[in-house]
Every structure is written in structure tokens, then in C-alpha cells.
Amino acid sequence: MVEQAVRLPSDVEAVIARWNPAGIERLRKLENLPDDGRTVAVLGHEAAAVQDELAAIAADIEFANSPDDAALVVFVLDATAPIGRSTLRHVESVILLGTRVVFGIEGIDANRDWRSVRNRNSELLAPHGKRILPVSVRLAQWARTRSDGRGLVRVNSGMLELRDVIAAELATDPDRVRTEQLLRATEGTAEETRRRIAAKAESLRPATEVAALRNERSALVSRRDGGRAEAMAALRSQVQLARVELLHEVANRVRAVNITARQAIDRADRTQLRAFPRTVEDAVAALTGDIDEQTHRRIAEIRAKVLGNDGAAVGAAIGGPQPQLGEGPTSRVRGVEDRLMIVLGASAGVGISRLAVTPLSLVPALDYATIPVTLVLGGLGAWWITRSRGQVADRAHLRQWTADALVSVRSQLEQRVIGALVAAEGALADHVVRISAERMVAVDAEISAIDARMRQFSARNAGQLAACERDLDTIARGLAQLPNSDRPK
């Protein structure tokens, strides 16, 4: 029988049934089709109208509703646009059944560019080696319903040529057609199955799942330290930046306190000068609080940048005693300049008093009375000048003490800031090391899991790949046994 002449061996059919059950079902259905060889199925653009025109000029053609029940399929393409992917897949599925196919392009009367569309369709259908016949349903209908020049119009409609091509295809020896159809369907199904097996075998090779796991493992190994190096580098750079900024802030704030103190000394009286050391102590205490607050804030920023949310529980206390001014200003030592100011003050006072009592000396009776007045006025002048000179010297002495004390305060504040940054750096570094160790353990566990999966994939893929290779050999052997097969062996 014809079916037995193109039947594949049972082991090949078993492979096809396992990999391509739809294909083996198509073959069984094709083997059970009736052998009339005269049925035609018209599909595609204006299929019903084309079928009506063919039925009007070829009464011996029987039409089928499905390509599965037809010995010949006429695909009618649209002349306005090239065929799409869905149409091309439909054509390939019909050809895969081994069914003979004839192509026509309808609408040549309405589209002037139908030739370029036909050429594009010919390129897409080139693997199937079929010519595309131009047809026009409207011209055929006009020729059938009118008597004027209908012969020429019918010829131009292309329906007569399409009918002749269909008749020539159907006139072929049924047994030979049947054999060719079954052979094409068998080869197409076997080739489709071979492609599926080859695709599966390619997916099992190291370039797929195992390669993806290997890339994932490499990525894990590259960050196995848990980001420790990056975090430590960021911590060092942030601490150094904070150190520079805070020390600069300390210097500016101490300088501002010194300027304020000098201005206050210049405006202070003797009572305020005696209480001024306490004022400086209050200013230093307020300055220390501000610097501590800025240091806390800067450390919190470092913690957030280095650790993010992981560093919320890491704190760094600023400890140590408050900056001290040291001993208060010592008593000013009176020197030669003070004595000199007494002499100069007395001299100036006597001179001024002499000027003041000069009018009285013109009266002879008051001449002796001017002497005690002169002495009193001279003493008062000497006292006032000496007292003023002492106050100026006290202010200078207090300014010097304030400047020296603030130098010491600045040094203590800088040590306080540096100590807080060092303590914070140590605490954050310990936290980074601890977090990095935890992440390292987690990454090691992931790497171990990936290694296990790679071993499983390798073992499983090796067996599946060997099975695919055996099935490919079976398919190749079955194709080689088909008559007149030109498939690769």
C-alpha cells in the first residue's frame, strides 16, 4: 500500500510521538483521508468569492471546507499588502501536511502596485517553490454577468489560468500524488521533530542554565566580602572629611568668642572686669555644647552614608571633661610705668591747678591761700591719671588672659572632636566588620547552593543530552530510509 511505502519505522514514530504528538496525529489523519484526489479548499482573501467563480467555470471540481479534507489547497493572497506572519504560519502548517498548494493574488484590478506585492510574497514563499497567479474576482464577475467582451475580460481576470493550474494538479496520478503527499508530510513532521529535539539539546548545553548559574556564582564571589572594602573606604574618607570640617568650625567659633570678648572688655567698667572670667566660662560652655551637637550630627551623617539603616543602633558618645579655662587672671604687677604715671599725674595736676588759681594770685591777700588749693588739685589730677592708666592696663591684662585661655580651649575642643571621631570610627568599623562577616556567611551559603545546583544540572543535563542525541540519530535514520529523501543523513 501507499501508506506502507512511506511509513517510518516504529522506533522513529515512537520518537516523533514523544516529541511531537500533534505531528504524529496529523500523519495518522492524513493516512485515513479518502483517495478521491479531487477535493479543493480555497483559503485566504476573498476565498468564498474565488470559490464561487471557480465553481462557475469548473463544474468537475469538488470543494472542501477544511484543508485537512482537501487534496489541493488554493491560498488567495491580498494584492494590497504582503502576507503577514500569521498567514505565513498557516501556509507552512498546511504544507507540513504534505498537501499540494496553489497561490493566487486577488485584487489586481484595484491596486496598481500588485506586482511589487506579488514579488515580495514570492520572496517570502520562495522555500516552497510556488508561482503566484494574479486573479480578479470583480473582473470575473463582470465577465460572467455581461456579454460584451467577456472572453477577454475573463482571460484578464486570471480565473481561467487558475482553473487550468488546479486541473493540472488534480490530473496527476492519484497514487503518485498520494505517495508524494504522504512523503512530504512524513518528511516535514520528522524535520519539525528534529528541530525541536535539536533546540532542546542546545538548551541543555553549558551555554544555558549552567552558564547562567556560573555567572551568578561569579557575581556572588565578587561581592563575597559583603561590601567590607567599599564600606571601610567610605568610612575613612567620611571621617577625614568630618575631621577637617569640625576642626575648621572649632577654629572659627573660638575666634568669634575671642572677638566678642575683646569688644566686651573694651566696654566693661571695673565691676564688669572683675566678673569677666565667669562670662568667658559661660561662653566656653555654650561653645562646647554647640560643637558637641555638630559632632553628633556629623557622626550620624557618616553612619547613615556608610551603613544606611544597618547603622541605626550604632552610637558614639562624646565623653571627657568640659574644656577648662585654667586659673583665673593673676593680679597685675605694678611696675615702673605705674610710678612714672604717678609722677606725671602729679606734675600735670600741679600745672593745671596753677593755671586754675592764677587769677587768685593777683590779689596779694590771697597769695598764700593758693598754695593748698594747688596741692589739692595736683593730687586729684595725679590720682585720676593713675587710676585711668591702671584701668587701661587691667583691660590689656584681661585681654591677654582671655586670648591665652581661648588658645587652650581651642586645643581642648579639637582633642574632644578628634576623640569623638576616633571613637565613632572604631564603633562603625566594628559594625562594618560584623555585618560583612554575616553577609559573607550568607554569600558562602548561596555559593554552596549554586554549586550544588550546577552539579545537579550537569548530571541531569548529561543524561538528557545523551537522550536527545539518541533521538536525533533515530530521526536521521528514519529520514534516510524514506524513498527519494534528500534530507541530511
Protein backbone atom coordinates (compact mmCIF):
# COMPACT_ATOMS: atom_id res chain seq x y z
CA MET A 1 0.00 0.00 0.00
CA VAL A 2 0.99 3.63 -0.48
CA GLU A 3 0.98 4.32 3.26
CA GLN A 4 3.30 1.45 3.97
CA ALA A 5 5.75 2.64 1.33
CA VAL A 6 6.35 5.91 3.19
CA ARG A 7 5.74 4.66 6.73
CA LEU A 8 8.52 5.37 9.22
CA PRO A 9 9.93 2.62 11.40
CA SER A 10 8.17 2.08 14.69
CA ASP A 11 11.07 3.38 16.78
CA VAL A 12 11.14 6.61 14.73
CA GLU A 13 7.37 7.02 15.12
CA ALA A 14 7.78 6.49 18.86
CA VAL A 15 10.31 9.31 18.99
CA ILE A 16 8.00 11.59 16.97
CA ALA A 17 5.03 10.70 19.15
CA ARG A 18 7.04 11.60 22.26
CA TRP A 19 8.38 14.91 20.96
CA ASN A 20 5.66 15.94 18.50
CA PRO A 21 2.32 14.31 19.35
CA ALA A 22 0.41 16.78 17.17
CA GLY A 23 2.59 15.86 14.20
CA ILE A 24 2.07 12.13 14.54
CA GLU A 25 -1.66 12.78 14.85
CA ARG A 26 -1.59 14.75 11.59
CA LEU A 27 0.15 11.87 9.86
CA ARG A 28 -2.44 9.36 11.10
CA LYS A 29 -5.25 11.64 9.96
CA LEU A 30 -3.63 12.09 6.55
CA GLU A 31 -3.29 8.34 6.10
CA ASN A 32 -7.03 7.92 6.69
CA LEU A 33 -8.16 10.55 4.16
CA PRO A 34 -10.23 9.27 1.21
CA ASP A 35 -8.34 8.74 -2.06
CA ASP A 36 -10.68 10.72 -4.34
CA GLY A 37 -7.93 13.28 -5.11
CA ARG A 38 -10.42 15.83 -6.49
CA THR A 39 -11.28 17.99 -3.48
CA VAL A 40 -10.05 21.60 -3.34
CA ALA A 41 -10.06 24.00 -0.37
CA VAL A 42 -9.92 27.75 -1.03
CA LEU A 43 -8.44 29.84 1.79
CA GLY A 44 -7.38 33.44 2.36
CA HIS A 45 -8.51 36.79 0.94
CA GLU A 46 -11.97 36.73 -0.74
CA ALA A 47 -11.91 32.92 -0.51
CA ALA A 48 -15.68 32.50 -0.86
CA ALA A 49 -15.88 34.74 -3.94
CA VAL A 50 -12.93 32.98 -5.61
CA GLN A 51 -14.53 29.61 -4.88
CA ASP A 52 -17.81 30.76 -6.46
CA GLU A 53 -16.05 31.89 -9.63
CA LEU A 54 -14.09 28.63 -9.86
CA ALA A 55 -17.27 26.63 -9.37
CA ALA A 56 -18.90 28.61 -12.20
CA ILE A 57 -16.17 27.72 -14.73
CA ALA A 58 -15.10 24.27 -13.43
CA ALA A 59 -18.05 22.11 -12.53
CA ASP A 60 -15.89 18.99 -12.04
CA ILE A 61 -14.02 20.46 -9.02
CA GLU A 62 -15.25 19.44 -5.59
CA PHE A 63 -14.65 21.90 -2.77
CA ALA A 64 -13.84 21.09 0.86
CA ASN A 65 -14.38 23.28 3.88
CA SER A 66 -11.12 22.35 5.59
CA PRO A 67 -7.58 21.93 4.24
CA ASP A 68 -7.36 18.67 6.18
CA ASP A 69 -10.02 17.15 3.91
CA ALA A 70 -8.65 18.52 0.62
CA ALA A 71 -6.17 17.14 -1.89
CA LEU A 72 -5.29 20.66 -3.03
CA VAL A 73 -5.36 23.99 -1.21
CA VAL A 74 -5.69 27.33 -3.02
CA PHE A 75 -4.27 30.18 -0.94
CA VAL A 76 -5.62 33.56 -2.10
CA LEU A 77 -3.39 36.46 -1.08
CA ASP A 78 -4.35 40.14 -0.85
CA ALA A 79 -2.90 42.35 -3.60
CA THR A 80 -2.85 45.42 -1.35
CA ALA A 81 -0.18 44.24 1.12
CA PRO A 82 2.37 41.42 1.57
CA ILE A 83 1.37 38.46 3.70
CA GLY A 84 1.89 38.62 7.45
CA ARG A 85 3.34 36.19 9.94
CA SER A 86 0.03 34.54 10.79
CA THR A 87 -0.74 33.82 7.13
CA LEU A 88 2.78 32.52 6.56
CA ARG A 89 2.48 30.19 9.56
CA HIS A 90 -0.88 28.95 8.24
CA VAL A 91 0.68 28.22 4.84
CA GLU A 92 3.57 26.36 6.45
CA SER A 93 1.21 24.27 8.59
CA VAL A 94 -0.75 23.20 5.50
CA ILE A 95 2.42 22.39 3.55
CA LEU A 96 3.65 20.41 6.54
CA LEU A 97 0.69 18.06 6.00
CA GLY A 98 2.03 17.30 2.54
CA THR A 99 -0.96 18.93 0.86
CA ARG A 100 -0.36 20.43 -2.56
CA VAL A 101 -0.71 24.22 -2.64
CA VAL A 102 -1.54 26.77 -5.32
CA PHE A 103 -1.13 30.50 -4.66
CA GLY A 104 -3.15 33.34 -6.14
CA ILE A 105 -3.14 37.08 -5.51
CA GLU A 106 -6.56 38.75 -5.72
CA GLY A 107 -7.35 42.42 -6.33
CA ILE A 108 -5.08 43.18 -9.29
CA ASP A 109 -7.79 45.40 -10.76
CA ALA A 110 -7.88 47.69 -7.74
CA ASN A 111 -4.18 48.00 -6.87
CA ARG A 112 -1.65 49.28 -9.40
CA ASP A 113 1.29 48.09 -7.27
CA TRP A 114 0.11 44.48 -7.12
CA ARG A 115 3.23 43.32 -8.97
CA SER A 116 5.56 44.65 -6.26
CA VAL A 117 3.34 42.99 -3.63
CA ARG A 118 3.49 39.72 -5.59
CA ASN A 119 7.28 39.94 -5.81
CA ARG A 120 7.53 40.43 -2.05
CA ASN A 121 5.20 37.49 -1.44
CA SER A 122 7.27 35.39 -3.84
CA GLU A 123 10.36 36.11 -1.73
CA LEU A 124 8.55 35.06 1.43
CA LEU A 125 7.21 31.89 -0.20
CA ALA A 126 10.42 31.06 -2.06
CA PRO A 127 11.21 27.98 0.13
CA HIS A 128 8.00 26.39 -1.15
CA GLY A 129 8.83 27.00 -4.82
CA LYS A 130 5.36 28.02 -5.97
CA ARG A 131 4.28 30.60 -8.54
CA ILE A 132 1.69 33.20 -7.53
CA LEU A 133 -1.15 33.62 -10.06
CA PRO A 134 -2.79 37.06 -10.42
CA VAL A 135 -6.62 36.94 -10.27
CA SER A 136 -9.51 39.41 -10.04
CA VAL A 137 -12.88 38.36 -8.72
CA ARG A 138 -14.54 41.58 -9.86
CA LEU A 139 -13.41 41.13 -13.48
CA ALA A 140 -14.53 37.52 -13.41
CA GLN A 141 -17.96 38.50 -12.07
CA TRP A 142 -18.30 41.23 -14.70
CA ALA A 143 -17.38 38.78 -17.48
CA ARG A 144 -19.83 36.20 -16.18
CA THR A 145 -22.78 38.61 -15.91
CA ARG A 146 -22.22 40.57 -19.14
CA SER A 147 -21.91 39.51 -22.74
CA ASP A 148 -19.80 42.40 -24.09
CA GLY A 149 -16.20 41.27 -24.49
CA ARG A 150 -16.47 38.81 -21.68
CA GLY A 151 -13.95 36.44 -23.18
CA LEU A 152 -11.10 38.94 -22.98
CA VAL A 153 -12.16 40.16 -19.54
CA ARG A 154 -12.35 36.62 -18.23
CA VAL A 155 -8.87 35.94 -19.51
CA ASN A 156 -7.61 39.11 -17.86
CA SER A 157 -9.28 38.12 -14.59
CA GLY A 158 -6.85 35.18 -14.29
CA MET A 159 -9.56 32.73 -13.29
CA LEU A 160 -9.09 30.59 -16.37
CA GLU A 161 -5.35 30.21 -15.70
CA LEU A 162 -6.06 29.40 -12.05
CA ARG A 163 -8.62 26.76 -13.14
CA ASP A 164 -6.12 25.22 -15.56
CA VAL A 165 -3.40 25.05 -12.90
CA ILE A 166 -5.81 23.41 -10.46
CA ALA A 167 -6.93 20.94 -13.15
CA ALA A 168 -3.33 20.07 -13.97
CA GLU A 169 -2.56 19.44 -10.32
CA LEU A 170 -5.66 17.26 -9.91
CA ALA A 171 -4.98 15.35 -13.11
CA THR A 172 -1.81 13.83 -11.69
CA ASP A 173 -1.86 10.08 -10.95
CA PRO A 174 -3.69 9.70 -7.61
CA ASP A 175 -1.35 7.04 -6.31
CA ARG A 176 1.71 9.11 -7.11
CA VAL A 177 0.08 12.21 -5.62
CA ARG A 178 -0.86 10.26 -2.56
CA THR A 179 2.65 8.92 -2.21
CA GLU A 180 4.22 12.36 -2.63
CA GLN A 181 1.77 13.89 -0.18
CA LEU A 182 2.48 11.29 2.47
CA LEU A 183 6.21 11.54 1.81
CA ARG A 184 6.20 15.33 2.15
CA ALA A 185 4.08 15.17 5.28
CA THR A 186 6.28 12.48 6.80
CA GLU A 187 9.48 14.35 5.99
CA GLY A 188 8.03 17.64 7.24
CA THR A 189 6.86 16.12 10.52
CA ALA A 190 10.17 14.33 11.03
CA GLU A 191 12.11 17.52 10.27
CA GLU A 192 9.90 19.54 12.63
CA THR A 193 10.55 16.96 15.35
CA ARG A 194 14.28 17.03 14.63
CA ARG A 195 14.33 20.82 15.09
CA ARG A 196 12.52 20.52 18.40
CA ILE A 197 14.98 17.91 19.67
CA ALA A 198 17.94 19.98 18.46
CA ALA A 199 16.58 23.08 20.22
CA LYS A 200 16.14 21.12 23.43
CA ALA A 201 19.65 19.67 23.14
CA GLU A 202 21.08 23.15 22.60
CA SER A 203 19.27 24.42 25.71
CA LEU A 204 20.88 21.62 27.73
CA ARG A 205 24.41 22.57 26.77
CA PRO A 206 26.60 24.58 29.16
CA ALA A 207 25.72 27.83 27.42
CA THR A 208 22.26 27.99 29.07
CA GLU A 209 21.26 27.08 32.61
CA VAL A 210 24.72 26.08 33.83
CA ALA A 211 26.24 29.19 32.24
CA ALA A 212 23.64 31.39 33.94
CA LEU A 213 24.41 29.75 37.28
CA ARG A 214 28.12 30.20 36.67
CA ASN A 215 27.60 33.91 36.00
CA GLU A 216 25.51 34.20 39.16
CA ARG A 217 28.24 32.45 41.13
CA SER A 218 30.89 34.80 39.75
CA ALA A 219 28.78 37.78 40.79
CA LEU A 220 28.45 36.36 44.30
CA VAL A 221 32.18 35.70 44.57
CA SER A 222 32.93 39.28 43.51
CA ARG A 223 30.93 40.59 46.46
CA ARG A 224 31.85 37.83 48.88
CA ASP A 225 33.44 40.27 51.36
CA GLY A 226 29.97 41.70 51.98
CA GLY A 227 30.96 45.16 50.75
CA ARG A 228 33.55 45.49 53.50
CA ALA A 229 36.24 47.14 51.36
CA GLU A 230 33.84 49.72 49.97
CA ALA A 231 32.33 50.46 53.39
CA MET A 232 35.73 50.85 55.07
CA ALA A 233 36.97 53.14 52.31
CA ALA A 234 33.82 55.23 52.57
CA LEU A 235 34.17 55.32 56.37
CA ARG A 236 37.77 56.55 56.23
CA SER A 237 37.03 59.23 53.68
CA GLN A 238 33.94 60.46 55.55
CA VAL A 239 35.77 60.57 58.90
CA GLN A 240 38.65 62.56 57.40
CA LEU A 241 36.23 64.98 55.77
CA ALA A 242 34.32 65.39 59.05
CA ARG A 243 37.57 65.97 60.92
CA VAL A 244 38.59 68.80 58.61
CA GLU A 245 35.15 70.39 58.73
CA LEU A 246 34.77 70.18 62.52
CA LEU A 247 38.28 71.46 63.29
CA HIS A 248 37.66 74.36 60.95
CA GLU A 249 34.39 75.03 62.74
CA VAL A 250 36.12 74.94 66.16
CA ALA A 251 38.71 77.47 65.00
CA ASN A 252 36.04 79.80 63.63
CA ARG A 253 33.87 79.58 66.74
CA VAL A 254 36.79 80.16 69.14
CA ARG A 255 37.89 83.15 67.06
CA ALA A 256 34.36 84.53 67.23
CA VAL A 257 34.31 84.15 71.03
CA ASN A 258 37.67 85.94 71.27
CA ILE A 259 36.43 88.87 69.18
CA THR A 260 33.26 89.14 71.25
CA ALA A 261 35.30 89.03 74.47
CA ARG A 262 37.65 91.81 73.31
CA GLN A 263 34.70 94.03 72.46
CA ALA A 264 33.10 93.32 75.83
CA ILE A 265 36.36 94.13 77.66
CA ASP A 266 36.62 97.47 75.89
CA ARG A 267 33.13 98.41 77.07
CA ALA A 268 33.36 96.97 80.61
CA ASP A 269 33.81 99.02 83.79
CA ARG A 270 35.82 97.92 86.82
CA THR A 271 32.98 95.81 88.26
CA GLN A 272 32.37 94.05 84.94
CA LEU A 273 36.08 93.47 84.50
CA ARG A 274 36.25 91.69 87.85
CA ALA A 275 33.36 89.37 86.80
CA PHE A 276 34.56 88.87 83.23
CA PRO A 277 36.30 85.45 83.74
CA ARG A 278 32.91 84.00 84.67
CA THR A 279 31.45 85.42 81.48
CA VAL A 280 34.20 83.73 79.44
CA GLU A 281 33.49 80.42 81.19
CA ASP A 282 29.79 80.64 80.25
CA ALA A 283 30.69 81.40 76.63
CA VAL A 284 33.07 78.42 76.52
CA ALA A 285 30.39 76.13 78.00
CA ALA A 286 27.87 77.24 75.34
CA LEU A 287 30.51 76.82 72.63
CA THR A 288 31.28 73.30 73.84
CA GLY A 289 27.59 72.35 73.68
CA ASP A 290 27.30 73.64 70.11
CA ILE A 291 30.44 71.81 68.99
CA ASP A 292 29.24 68.58 70.63
CA GLU A 293 25.90 68.89 68.87
CA GLN A 294 27.56 69.43 65.49
CA THR A 295 29.87 66.50 66.14
CA HIS A 296 26.90 64.26 66.96
CA ARG A 297 25.11 65.35 63.81
CA ARG A 298 28.17 64.80 61.64
CA ILE A 299 28.75 61.34 63.08
CA ALA A 300 25.11 60.48 62.40
CA GLU A 301 25.57 61.56 58.77
CA ILE A 302 28.67 59.36 58.48
CA ARG A 303 26.76 56.44 59.95
CA ALA A 304 23.89 56.90 57.51
CA LYS A 305 26.20 57.16 54.49
CA VAL A 306 28.34 54.16 55.43
CA LEU A 307 25.81 51.78 56.96
CA GLY A 308 22.41 53.09 55.95
CA ASN A 309 19.63 51.54 58.02
CA ASP A 310 22.02 48.94 59.43
CA GLY A 311 23.80 51.60 61.48
CA ALA A 312 20.75 52.91 63.32
CA ALA A 313 21.78 51.13 66.54
CA VAL A 314 25.40 52.26 66.39
CA GLY A 315 26.07 55.28 68.55
CA ALA A 316 29.16 57.21 69.52
CA ALA A 317 29.15 59.15 72.78
CA ILE A 318 31.26 62.25 73.18
CA GLY A 319 32.92 61.94 76.57
CA GLY A 320 35.63 63.60 78.55
CA PRO A 321 35.64 66.63 80.82
CA GLN A 322 34.44 70.03 79.72
CA PRO A 323 37.14 72.39 78.42
CA GLN A 324 38.70 74.37 81.29
CA LEU A 325 40.00 77.91 81.24
CA GLY A 326 42.61 77.12 83.86
CA GLU A 327 43.40 79.55 86.67
CA GLY A 328 41.82 82.97 86.57
CA PRO A 329 43.77 86.08 85.64
CA THR A 330 46.55 86.82 88.17
CA SER A 331 46.94 90.18 89.86
CA ARG A 332 48.64 92.69 87.66
CA VAL A 333 52.16 93.54 88.87
CA ARG A 334 52.70 97.26 89.19
CA GLY A 335 55.92 98.32 87.53
CA VAL A 336 58.00 101.42 86.81
CA GLU A 337 55.40 102.71 84.38
CA ASP A 338 52.86 102.96 87.20
CA ARG A 339 55.22 105.02 89.33
CA LEU A 340 56.07 107.11 86.34
CA MET A 341 52.37 107.76 85.75
CA ILE A 342 52.05 108.97 89.40
CA VAL A 343 54.88 111.49 88.89
CA LEU A 344 53.47 112.59 85.55
CA GLY A 345 49.99 112.81 87.01
CA ALA A 346 51.16 114.94 89.96
CA SER A 347 53.11 117.21 87.65
CA ALA A 348 50.17 117.57 85.33
CA GLY A 349 47.83 118.18 88.27
CA VAL A 350 50.07 120.87 89.73
CA GLY A 351 50.35 122.56 86.36
CA ILE A 352 46.59 122.52 85.85
CA SER A 353 45.98 123.78 89.39
CA ARG A 354 48.44 126.63 88.89
CA LEU A 355 46.52 127.71 85.85
CA ALA A 356 43.29 127.47 87.80
CA VAL A 357 44.47 129.68 90.74
CA THR A 358 46.43 132.23 88.67
CA PRO A 359 43.62 134.83 88.91
CA LEU A 360 43.68 134.47 92.72
CA SER A 361 47.41 135.17 92.89
CA LEU A 362 46.80 138.70 91.56
CA VAL A 363 45.23 139.51 94.89
CA PRO A 364 48.11 139.89 97.43
CA ALA A 365 45.89 138.87 100.34
CA LEU A 366 45.05 135.52 98.67
CA ASP A 367 48.57 134.66 97.55
CA TYR A 368 49.19 132.24 100.40
CA ALA A 369 45.75 130.69 100.06
CA THR A 370 46.55 129.42 96.54
CA ILE A 371 49.22 127.03 97.81
CA PRO A 372 46.94 124.46 99.46
CA VAL A 373 44.48 124.69 96.57
CA THR A 374 47.28 124.00 94.14
CA LEU A 375 48.40 120.99 96.15
CA VAL A 376 44.87 119.55 96.39
CA LEU A 377 44.19 119.98 92.70
CA GLY A 378 47.57 118.46 91.81
CA GLY A 379 46.86 115.42 94.00
CA LEU A 380 43.45 114.91 92.44
CA GLY A 381 44.93 115.07 88.94
CA ALA A 382 47.65 112.58 89.81
CA TRP A 383 45.05 110.20 91.32
CA TRP A 384 42.74 110.37 88.29
CA ILE A 385 45.50 109.84 85.74
CA THR A 386 46.98 106.97 87.71
CA ARG A 387 43.57 105.33 88.14
CA SER A 388 42.73 105.63 84.43
CA ARG A 389 46.14 104.23 83.49
CA GLY A 390 45.54 101.29 85.83
CA GLN A 391 42.16 100.53 84.26
CA VAL A 392 43.70 100.54 80.79
CA ALA A 393 46.43 98.21 81.98
CA ASP A 394 43.83 95.91 83.62
CA ARG A 395 41.92 95.68 80.35
CA ALA A 396 45.08 94.83 78.44
CA HIS A 397 45.97 92.23 81.08
CA LEU A 398 42.47 90.68 80.82
CA ARG A 399 42.56 90.64 77.02
CA GLN A 400 45.86 88.78 77.14
CA TRP A 401 44.48 86.30 79.65
CA THR A 402 41.38 85.73 77.51
CA ALA A 403 43.43 85.12 74.38
CA ASP A 404 45.69 82.65 76.18
CA ALA A 405 42.72 80.86 77.76
CA LEU A 406 40.89 80.54 74.44
CA VAL A 407 44.00 79.06 72.82
CA SER A 408 43.87 76.35 75.49
CA VAL A 409 40.11 75.94 74.96
CA ARG A 410 40.58 75.55 71.23
CA SER A 411 43.15 72.82 71.79
CA GLN A 412 40.83 71.01 74.21
CA LEU A 413 37.86 71.28 71.82
CA GLU A 414 39.94 69.93 68.94
CA GLN A 415 41.02 66.99 71.09
CA ARG A 416 37.39 66.46 72.08
CA VAL A 417 36.24 66.41 68.44
CA ILE A 418 39.08 64.15 67.31
CA GLY A 419 38.41 61.78 70.21
CA ALA A 420 34.73 61.56 69.31
CA LEU A 421 35.54 60.89 65.63
CA VAL A 422 38.09 58.22 66.54
CA ALA A 423 35.60 56.52 68.85
CA ALA A 424 32.88 56.70 66.20
CA GLU A 425 35.22 55.35 63.54
CA GLY A 426 36.11 52.43 65.76
CA ALA A 427 32.47 51.65 66.56
CA LEU A 428 31.41 51.93 62.92
CA ALA A 429 34.38 49.84 61.76
CA ASP A 430 33.44 47.09 64.22
CA HIS A 431 29.88 47.20 62.94
CA VAL A 432 31.04 47.06 59.33
CA VAL A 433 33.21 44.03 60.11
CA ARG A 434 30.34 42.29 61.88
CA ILE A 435 27.85 42.98 59.10
CA SER A 436 30.41 41.96 56.47
CA ALA A 437 31.01 38.68 58.29
CA GLU A 438 27.29 37.97 58.38
CA ARG A 439 26.95 38.77 54.69
CA MET A 440 29.98 36.66 53.91
CA VAL A 441 28.39 33.68 55.63
CA ALA A 442 25.16 34.26 53.68
CA VAL A 443 27.04 34.60 50.38
CA ASP A 444 29.02 31.42 51.10
CA ALA A 445 25.74 29.62 51.67
CA GLU A 446 24.38 30.93 48.34
CA ILE A 447 27.56 29.89 46.56
CA SER A 448 27.33 26.41 48.05
CA ALA A 449 23.70 26.15 46.94
CA ILE A 450 24.62 27.27 43.41
CA ASP A 451 27.46 24.74 43.29
CA ALA A 452 25.03 22.00 44.26
CA ARG A 453 22.55 23.14 41.61
CA MET A 454 25.31 23.23 38.99
CA ARG A 455 26.28 19.67 39.85
CA GLN A 456 22.65 18.59 39.63
CA PHE A 457 22.17 20.38 36.31
CA SER A 458 25.36 18.89 34.92
CA ALA A 459 24.36 15.37 35.92
CA ARG A 460 20.79 15.76 34.72
CA ASN A 461 21.69 17.57 31.52
CA ALA A 462 24.26 14.96 30.62
CA GLY A 463 21.59 12.25 30.68
CA GLN A 464 19.01 14.37 28.85
CA LEU A 465 21.56 15.47 26.27
CA ALA A 466 22.51 11.86 25.59
CA ALA A 467 18.81 11.01 25.17
CA CYS A 468 18.39 13.91 22.73
CA GLU A 469 21.39 12.75 20.74
CA ARG A 470 19.94 9.24 20.51
CA ASP A 471 16.58 10.60 19.35
CA LEU A 472 18.32 12.78 16.73
CA ASP A 473 20.16 9.73 15.41
CA THR A 474 16.88 7.83 15.28
CA ILE A 475 15.16 10.64 13.35
CA ALA A 476 18.09 10.87 10.90
CA ARG A 477 18.00 7.12 10.33
CA GLY A 478 14.24 7.23 9.70
CA LEU A 479 14.60 10.10 7.22
CA ALA A 480 17.35 8.22 5.39
CA GLN A 481 15.03 5.24 4.95
CA LEU A 482 12.31 7.27 3.22
CA PRO A 483 12.21 6.83 -0.60
CA ASN A 484 13.86 9.63 -2.59
CA SER A 485 14.62 11.50 0.62
CA ASP A 486 17.03 14.40 0.26
CA ARG A 487 17.17 15.15 3.96
CA PRO A 488 20.58 15.32 5.61
CA LYS A 489 21.65 11.95 6.92
